[in-house]
Each structure stands twice: as C-alpha cells, then as structure tokens.
Amino acid sequence: MPYDETLADRVRKLIGDDPGYVEKRMFRGLAMMLDGNMAVCVNPTGLLVRIDPATQDTVLSGPGVRRFVMGERPMKGWVEVDTGAIATAAALRKWVRRGADYARSLPSK
C-alpha cells in the first residue's frame, strides 16, 4: 500500500521551505529530512515521527499513537501516528513540529 500523497503535500507545506529540507523514499513511505536527520515520514498508515526518546512514554499515551516497530524490534525515539489523529491542520502541525524540532536539535549529517 503506497503512502498518501495528499498527506505528503500537507507536510511539505509545513516544512518544505525550511533550509536543509530533503525528501527520501524509505520505511514504505516518503521521509522528510532536515539537515540529514529524519523529522517525519509519510507512510501507508499515517505519519512516522521522530521524537526525543526521553518523552516516548508520555507521547505514546496520546490517541492514535503507537510505538514504531521495525521487524520485531521496537524503535526508541520513533512513533507512528494514525491518519485519524492528524486529520486536522492543527493536529498535523503539532506532530510535524515535534518531529522537525527534534531533528533540528541533532547534529547535521
């Protein structure tokens, strides 16, 4: 199942003009990167978001949010947000901002 191109366009409008913005196909979707660090990835089920690992337990308590699992391994510092939880512009902006802010806090690659 392909990623949602409409969702990708909505995310581009939020961070696509940022310096250091690059898109790469990965994780069955389209990763949006800032200065070489992934911020978010539009995938078939919604949005993969990079977060501060120290906040993961709190973030996981939100509706429509689950731990990102690669194979059988849960990935610390990554969550998946279902499409329904990012349906509004405000909700999407919140998640994209969270991913972008964390990506910008990391050293450039």
N, C-alpha and C. Protein backbone atom coordinates (compact mmCIF):
# COMPACT_ATOMS: atom_id res chain seq x y z
N MET A 1 0.85 -1.18 0.00
CA MET A 1 0.00 0.00 0.00
C MET A 1 0.90 1.24 0.00
N PRO A 2 0.68 2.16 -0.94
CA PRO A 2 1.53 3.36 -1.01
C PRO A 2 1.16 4.39 0.05
N TYR A 3 2.07 5.32 0.27
CA TYR A 3 1.79 6.41 1.21
C TYR A 3 0.79 7.38 0.58
N ASP A 4 0.20 8.21 1.39
CA ASP A 4 -0.83 9.17 0.98
C ASP A 4 -0.15 10.44 0.46
N GLU A 5 -0.23 10.66 -0.83
CA GLU A 5 0.41 11.82 -1.45
C GLU A 5 -0.21 13.13 -0.97
N THR A 6 -1.51 13.11 -0.66
CA THR A 6 -2.16 14.31 -0.13
C THR A 6 -1.57 14.68 1.23
N LEU A 7 -1.35 13.68 2.06
CA LEU A 7 -0.71 13.92 3.36
C LEU A 7 0.71 14.44 3.16
N ALA A 8 1.43 13.87 2.21
CA ALA A 8 2.79 14.34 1.93
C ALA A 8 2.78 15.82 1.53
N ASP A 9 1.81 16.21 0.72
CA ASP A 9 1.69 17.63 0.32
C ASP A 9 1.39 18.51 1.53
N ARG A 10 0.55 18.03 2.44
CA ARG A 10 0.23 18.82 3.64
C ARG A 10 1.49 19.01 4.50
N VAL A 11 2.30 17.97 4.60
CA VAL A 11 3.54 18.07 5.39
C VAL A 11 4.52 19.01 4.69
N ARG A 12 4.65 18.89 3.38
CA ARG A 12 5.55 19.79 2.63
C ARG A 12 5.21 21.26 2.87
N LYS A 13 3.94 21.57 2.95
CA LYS A 13 3.53 22.96 3.18
C LYS A 13 3.99 23.45 4.56
N LEU A 14 4.19 22.52 5.48
CA LEU A 14 4.62 22.91 6.82
C LEU A 14 6.13 23.04 6.96
N ILE A 15 6.90 22.18 6.29
CA ILE A 15 8.37 22.24 6.47
C ILE A 15 9.17 22.25 5.18
N GLY A 16 8.51 22.15 4.04
CA GLY A 16 9.21 22.05 2.76
C GLY A 16 10.08 23.23 2.39
N ASP A 17 9.82 24.40 2.96
CA ASP A 17 10.61 25.58 2.65
C ASP A 17 11.79 25.76 3.60
N ASP A 18 11.90 24.90 4.62
CA ASP A 18 12.99 25.02 5.59
C ASP A 18 14.33 24.73 4.93
N PRO A 19 15.37 25.48 5.32
CA PRO A 19 16.72 25.17 4.81
C PRO A 19 17.11 23.75 5.21
N GLY A 20 17.78 23.06 4.35
CA GLY A 20 18.22 21.71 4.65
C GLY A 20 17.16 20.65 4.46
N TYR A 21 16.00 21.01 3.88
CA TYR A 21 14.91 20.05 3.67
C TYR A 21 15.21 19.16 2.48
N VAL A 22 15.07 17.83 2.69
CA VAL A 22 15.26 16.84 1.63
C VAL A 22 14.23 15.74 1.83
N GLU A 23 13.77 15.17 0.73
CA GLU A 23 12.86 14.03 0.80
C GLU A 23 13.59 12.78 0.30
N LYS A 24 13.32 11.65 0.96
CA LYS A 24 13.89 10.36 0.55
C LYS A 24 12.83 9.29 0.74
N ARG A 25 12.76 8.37 -0.18
CA ARG A 25 11.84 7.25 -0.04
C ARG A 25 12.47 6.21 0.90
N MET A 26 11.76 5.89 1.98
CA MET A 26 12.19 4.86 2.93
C MET A 26 11.04 4.49 3.84
N PHE A 27 11.18 3.40 4.56
CA PHE A 27 10.15 2.92 5.51
C PHE A 27 8.79 2.83 4.82
N ARG A 28 8.73 2.33 3.58
CA ARG A 28 7.49 2.20 2.81
C ARG A 28 6.80 3.55 2.62
N GLY A 29 7.56 4.63 2.67
CA GLY A 29 6.95 5.94 2.55
C GLY A 29 7.91 6.98 2.05
N LEU A 30 7.62 8.22 2.40
CA LEU A 30 8.42 9.36 1.99
C LEU A 30 8.92 10.09 3.23
N ALA A 31 10.23 10.00 3.47
CA ALA A 31 10.83 10.63 4.64
C ALA A 31 11.13 12.09 4.33
N MET A 32 10.81 12.95 5.30
CA MET A 32 11.12 14.37 5.21
C MET A 32 12.25 14.64 6.20
N MET A 33 13.38 15.09 5.66
CA MET A 33 14.58 15.24 6.47
C MET A 33 14.99 16.70 6.55
N LEU A 34 15.60 17.06 7.67
CA LEU A 34 16.15 18.40 7.87
C LEU A 34 17.62 18.25 8.25
N ASP A 35 18.50 18.82 7.44
CA ASP A 35 19.94 18.74 7.66
C ASP A 35 20.42 17.31 7.85
N GLY A 36 19.84 16.38 7.10
CA GLY A 36 20.26 14.99 7.12
C GLY A 36 19.61 14.13 8.19
N ASN A 37 18.76 14.71 9.03
CA ASN A 37 18.07 13.96 10.08
C ASN A 37 16.59 13.86 9.75
N MET A 38 16.05 12.64 9.83
CA MET A 38 14.63 12.49 9.54
C MET A 38 13.79 13.16 10.62
N ALA A 39 12.82 13.92 10.18
CA ALA A 39 11.86 14.56 11.08
C ALA A 39 10.58 13.74 11.12
N VAL A 40 10.02 13.47 9.93
CA VAL A 40 8.80 12.68 9.80
C VAL A 40 8.89 11.86 8.53
N CYS A 41 8.01 10.87 8.45
CA CYS A 41 7.92 10.05 7.24
C CYS A 41 6.44 9.74 7.01
N VAL A 42 5.94 10.12 5.85
CA VAL A 42 4.58 9.80 5.48
C VAL A 42 4.59 8.34 5.01
N ASN A 43 3.80 7.49 5.67
CA ASN A 43 3.77 6.07 5.31
C ASN A 43 2.32 5.64 5.09
N PRO A 44 2.09 4.40 4.71
CA PRO A 44 0.72 3.98 4.38
C PRO A 44 -0.31 4.10 5.51
N THR A 45 0.13 4.12 6.76
CA THR A 45 -0.82 4.19 7.87
C THR A 45 -0.92 5.57 8.51
N GLY A 46 -0.13 6.51 8.05
CA GLY A 46 -0.15 7.84 8.64
C GLY A 46 1.21 8.49 8.61
N LEU A 47 1.72 8.80 9.80
CA LEU A 47 2.96 9.57 9.90
C LEU A 47 3.89 8.93 10.92
N LEU A 48 5.11 8.67 10.51
CA LEU A 48 6.17 8.23 11.41
C LEU A 48 6.86 9.50 11.89
N VAL A 49 6.99 9.67 13.20
CA VAL A 49 7.53 10.91 13.76
C VAL A 49 8.73 10.60 14.64
N ARG A 50 9.81 11.32 14.43
CA ARG A 50 10.98 11.20 15.29
C ARG A 50 10.79 12.10 16.50
N ILE A 51 10.99 11.54 17.68
CA ILE A 51 10.77 12.29 18.91
C ILE A 51 11.95 12.12 19.85
N ASP A 52 12.02 12.95 20.85
CA ASP A 52 13.01 12.80 21.90
C ASP A 52 12.71 11.49 22.63
N PRO A 53 13.65 10.56 22.65
CA PRO A 53 13.39 9.27 23.31
C PRO A 53 12.97 9.41 24.78
N ALA A 54 13.40 10.46 25.45
CA ALA A 54 13.03 10.67 26.85
C ALA A 54 11.54 10.95 27.02
N THR A 55 10.87 11.36 25.96
CA THR A 55 9.44 11.70 26.03
C THR A 55 8.54 10.58 25.50
N GLN A 56 9.13 9.48 25.09
CA GLN A 56 8.36 8.45 24.38
C GLN A 56 7.17 7.93 25.18
N ASP A 57 7.34 7.61 26.45
CA ASP A 57 6.22 7.07 27.22
C ASP A 57 5.06 8.05 27.30
N THR A 58 5.35 9.31 27.48
CA THR A 58 4.30 10.34 27.52
C THR A 58 3.62 10.46 26.17
N VAL A 59 4.41 10.50 25.11
CA VAL A 59 3.87 10.65 23.76
C VAL A 59 2.98 9.47 23.38
N LEU A 60 3.37 8.28 23.80
CA LEU A 60 2.60 7.08 23.47
C LEU A 60 1.22 7.04 24.12
N SER A 61 0.99 7.87 25.11
CA SER A 61 -0.32 7.88 25.77
C SER A 61 -1.37 8.63 24.96
N GLY A 62 -0.97 9.30 23.89
CA GLY A 62 -1.92 10.05 23.07
C GLY A 62 -2.75 9.15 22.17
N PRO A 63 -3.92 9.63 21.76
CA PRO A 63 -4.79 8.83 20.89
C PRO A 63 -4.19 8.66 19.49
N GLY A 64 -4.30 7.45 18.95
CA GLY A 64 -3.82 7.19 17.60
C GLY A 64 -2.32 7.11 17.48
N VAL A 65 -1.62 6.96 18.59
CA VAL A 65 -0.15 6.93 18.58
C VAL A 65 0.30 5.55 19.04
N ARG A 66 1.26 4.99 18.34
CA ARG A 66 1.81 3.69 18.75
C ARG A 66 3.33 3.68 18.51
N ARG A 67 3.97 2.79 19.20
CA ARG A 67 5.42 2.62 19.06
C ARG A 67 5.72 2.14 17.64
N PHE A 68 6.78 2.67 17.05
CA PHE A 68 7.22 2.22 15.74
C PHE A 68 8.04 0.95 15.94
N VAL A 69 7.68 -0.09 15.21
CA VAL A 69 8.37 -1.37 15.30
C VAL A 69 8.94 -1.70 13.93
N MET A 70 10.24 -1.96 13.88
CA MET A 70 10.89 -2.35 12.63
C MET A 70 11.21 -3.84 12.74
N GLY A 71 10.56 -4.62 11.91
CA GLY A 71 10.67 -6.07 12.06
C GLY A 71 9.95 -6.45 13.35
N GLU A 72 10.69 -6.96 14.29
CA GLU A 72 10.13 -7.26 15.61
C GLU A 72 10.71 -6.36 16.68
N ARG A 73 11.51 -5.39 16.28
CA ARG A 73 12.22 -4.56 17.23
C ARG A 73 11.56 -3.20 17.41
N PRO A 74 11.08 -2.88 18.62
CA PRO A 74 10.52 -1.55 18.87
C PRO A 74 11.64 -0.51 18.82
N MET A 75 11.38 0.59 18.14
CA MET A 75 12.39 1.63 17.95
C MET A 75 12.16 2.78 18.93
N LYS A 76 13.12 3.00 19.80
CA LYS A 76 13.02 4.09 20.77
C LYS A 76 13.23 5.42 20.04
N GLY A 77 12.40 6.39 20.35
CA GLY A 77 12.51 7.70 19.72
C GLY A 77 11.73 7.84 18.43
N TRP A 78 10.88 6.87 18.14
CA TRP A 78 10.05 6.91 16.94
C TRP A 78 8.64 6.46 17.29
N VAL A 79 7.65 7.16 16.79
CA VAL A 79 6.25 6.76 16.97
C VAL A 79 5.52 6.87 15.64
N GLU A 80 4.48 6.07 15.51
CA GLU A 80 3.60 6.17 14.36
C GLU A 80 2.30 6.81 14.81
N VAL A 81 1.82 7.75 14.01
CA VAL A 81 0.58 8.45 14.32
C VAL A 81 -0.41 8.12 13.20
N ASP A 82 -1.54 7.55 13.59
CA ASP A 82 -2.56 7.16 12.62
C ASP A 82 -3.13 8.37 11.89
N THR A 83 -3.58 8.13 10.69
CA THR A 83 -4.16 9.19 9.86
C THR A 83 -5.26 9.96 10.57
N GLY A 84 -6.11 9.27 11.30
CA GLY A 84 -7.21 9.94 12.01
C GLY A 84 -6.73 10.92 13.06
N ALA A 85 -5.57 10.68 13.64
CA ALA A 85 -5.04 11.56 14.69
C ALA A 85 -4.35 12.79 14.12
N ILE A 86 -4.21 12.85 12.78
CA ILE A 86 -3.58 14.03 12.15
C ILE A 86 -4.50 14.61 11.08
N ALA A 87 -5.79 14.38 11.22
CA ALA A 87 -6.76 14.82 10.21
C ALA A 87 -6.89 16.34 10.16
N THR A 88 -6.79 17.00 11.31
CA THR A 88 -6.93 18.46 11.31
C THR A 88 -5.57 19.12 11.05
N ALA A 89 -5.63 20.33 10.55
CA ALA A 89 -4.39 21.08 10.31
C ALA A 89 -3.61 21.29 11.60
N ALA A 90 -4.31 21.59 12.68
CA ALA A 90 -3.63 21.83 13.96
C ALA A 90 -2.94 20.57 14.48
N ALA A 91 -3.60 19.42 14.36
CA ALA A 91 -3.01 18.17 14.83
C ALA A 91 -1.78 17.80 14.00
N LEU A 92 -1.88 17.94 12.69
CA LEU A 92 -0.73 17.64 11.83
C LEU A 92 0.42 18.58 12.14
N ARG A 93 0.12 19.86 12.28
CA ARG A 93 1.16 20.85 12.59
C ARG A 93 1.88 20.49 13.89
N LYS A 94 1.13 20.05 14.89
CA LYS A 94 1.73 19.67 16.18
C LYS A 94 2.73 18.53 16.00
N TRP A 95 2.34 17.50 15.27
CA TRP A 95 3.22 16.35 15.09
C TRP A 95 4.42 16.66 14.20
N VAL A 96 4.19 17.39 13.13
CA VAL A 96 5.30 17.76 12.25
C VAL A 96 6.28 18.65 12.99
N ARG A 97 5.77 19.59 13.76
CA ARG A 97 6.64 20.47 14.55
C ARG A 97 7.46 19.66 15.54
N ARG A 98 6.82 18.69 16.20
CA ARG A 98 7.55 17.85 17.17
C ARG A 98 8.71 17.12 16.48
N GLY A 99 8.44 16.53 15.32
CA GLY A 99 9.49 15.82 14.59
C GLY A 99 10.57 16.76 14.08
N ALA A 100 10.16 17.90 13.54
CA ALA A 100 11.12 18.87 13.00
C ALA A 100 11.98 19.47 14.10
N ASP A 101 11.37 19.81 15.21
CA ASP A 101 12.14 20.38 16.31
C ASP A 101 13.19 19.40 16.83
N TYR A 102 12.81 18.12 16.93
CA TYR A 102 13.79 17.15 17.41
C TYR A 102 14.89 16.93 16.36
N ALA A 103 14.52 16.84 15.09
CA ALA A 103 15.53 16.66 14.04
C ALA A 103 16.51 17.82 14.03
N ARG A 104 16.02 19.04 14.22
CA ARG A 104 16.90 20.21 14.24
C ARG A 104 17.81 20.24 15.46
N SER A 105 17.42 19.54 16.54
CA SER A 105 18.24 19.53 17.74
C SER A 105 19.44 18.61 17.61
N LEU A 106 19.45 17.78 16.57
CA LEU A 106 20.53 16.82 16.37
C LEU A 106 21.63 17.44 15.49
N PRO A 107 22.85 16.95 15.61
CA PRO A 107 23.92 17.46 14.74
C PRO A 107 23.59 17.18 13.27
N SER A 108 23.93 18.09 12.40
CA SER A 108 23.72 17.91 10.97
C SER A 108 24.57 16.74 10.48
N LYS A 109 24.05 16.06 9.47
CA LYS A 109 24.80 14.93 8.90
C LYS A 109 25.36 15.34 7.55
